[in-house]
Amino acid sequence: MVKELVQKFADGTADPNLFTTEAKSLLFPDRIKSFGEYLKPLGTPNDIQLVERKDEDDNRLYRYRLVYKDSALFFTLTLSKEGKIALVGAQPE
């Protein structure tokens, strides 16, 4: 799921319906486009490792390490109790 989601961000085809109302209003259309422009030059991840999973209030946080040809980054995804994306982020390793 994460690999597909990261690819959709990079391609600019992320489905707004996957996001909570709050996240959708914050991210679409400008921030999600910038996020995709950040990810696209990295290509497809060669490896994805789950490094953290925890419950926070009513949300579940997942933190992944994405390994690319020339770099790696941490990708954070927070899901609401309804399974919608409440927060998404990435930072270089």
Protein backbone atom coordinates (compact mmCIF):
# COMPACT_ATOMS: atom_id res chain seq x y z
CA MET A 1 0.00 0.00 0.00
CA VAL A 2 2.76 2.48 0.92
CA LYS A 3 4.71 1.88 -2.29
CA GLU A 4 1.58 2.52 -4.36
CA LEU A 5 0.69 5.61 -2.33
CA VAL A 6 4.19 7.09 -2.64
CA GLN A 7 4.07 6.46 -6.40
CA LYS A 8 0.69 8.20 -6.67
CA PHE A 9 2.09 11.21 -4.80
CA ALA A 10 5.08 11.32 -7.17
CA ASP A 11 2.82 10.99 -10.22
CA GLY A 12 0.41 13.66 -8.96
CA THR A 13 -2.49 11.21 -8.92
CA ALA A 14 -3.19 10.89 -5.18
CA ASP A 15 -6.92 10.44 -4.57
CA PRO A 16 -8.26 13.20 -2.30
CA ASN A 17 -10.97 10.82 -1.08
CA LEU A 18 -8.30 8.81 0.80
CA PHE A 19 -7.76 11.78 3.13
CA THR A 20 -9.69 13.15 6.08
CA THR A 21 -11.57 16.37 5.44
CA GLU A 22 -8.98 18.33 7.42
CA ALA A 23 -6.01 16.79 5.61
CA LYS A 24 -7.69 17.25 2.24
CA SER A 25 -8.27 20.96 2.85
CA LEU A 26 -4.66 21.41 4.04
CA LEU A 27 -2.93 19.40 1.31
CA PHE A 28 -4.96 19.76 -1.88
CA PRO A 29 -4.12 20.94 -4.41
CA ASP A 30 -0.92 22.91 -3.71
CA ARG A 31 0.92 21.05 -0.96
CA ILE A 32 0.24 17.62 -2.42
CA LYS A 33 1.62 18.84 -5.75
CA SER A 34 4.81 20.11 -4.04
CA PHE A 35 5.10 16.82 -2.17
CA GLY A 36 4.92 14.94 -5.46
CA GLU A 37 7.54 17.20 -7.01
CA TYR A 38 9.83 16.35 -4.08
CA LEU A 39 9.29 12.58 -4.48
CA LYS A 40 9.27 12.24 -8.27
CA PRO A 41 13.04 12.71 -8.92
CA LEU A 42 13.83 10.00 -6.37
CA GLY A 43 12.24 7.34 -8.57
CA THR A 44 10.74 4.15 -7.18
CA PRO A 45 11.86 2.98 -3.74
CA ASN A 46 14.10 -0.10 -3.86
CA ASP A 47 13.13 -1.05 -0.32
CA ILE A 48 10.44 -0.07 2.17
CA GLN A 49 10.82 -0.92 5.85
CA LEU A 50 8.28 -0.29 8.60
CA VAL A 51 10.30 1.25 11.44
CA GLU A 52 7.53 2.41 13.78
CA ARG A 53 3.86 1.82 14.41
CA LYS A 54 1.96 3.34 17.30
CA ASP A 55 -1.46 4.49 18.35
CA GLU A 56 -1.90 8.18 19.10
CA ASP A 57 -5.32 9.21 20.39
CA ASP A 58 -7.75 7.93 17.75
CA ASN A 59 -5.09 7.72 15.04
CA ARG A 60 -2.48 5.16 14.06
CA LEU A 61 0.97 6.38 13.05
CA TYR A 62 3.20 4.45 10.65
CA ARG A 63 6.79 5.44 9.95
CA TYR A 64 8.63 3.84 7.06
CA ARG A 65 12.19 4.03 5.78
CA LEU A 66 12.17 4.30 2.00
CA VAL A 67 15.46 3.42 0.30
CA TYR A 68 16.11 4.84 -3.14
CA LYS A 69 19.06 4.40 -5.48
CA ASP A 70 20.97 7.41 -4.15
CA SER A 71 19.18 8.32 -0.92
CA ALA A 72 16.80 7.28 1.82
CA LEU A 73 14.00 9.06 3.61
CA PHE A 74 11.54 8.54 6.39
CA PHE A 75 7.91 8.56 5.29
CA THR A 76 5.26 9.13 7.96
CA LEU A 77 1.62 8.25 7.48
CA THR A 78 -1.09 8.81 10.07
CA LEU A 79 -4.45 7.12 9.60
CA SER A 80 -7.68 8.09 11.33
CA LYS A 81 -9.83 5.48 13.04
CA GLU A 82 -11.89 5.46 9.82
CA GLY A 83 -8.79 4.50 7.83
CA LYS A 84 -8.41 7.86 6.11
CA ILE A 85 -5.06 9.64 5.80
CA ALA A 86 -4.91 12.33 8.47
CA LEU A 87 -1.27 13.32 7.99
CA VAL A 88 1.55 12.50 5.62
CA GLY A 89 5.14 13.64 5.56
CA ALA A 90 8.67 12.81 4.48
CA GLN A 91 12.12 13.80 5.65
CA PRO A 92 15.59 12.85 4.47
CA GLU A 93 17.40 10.26 6.54
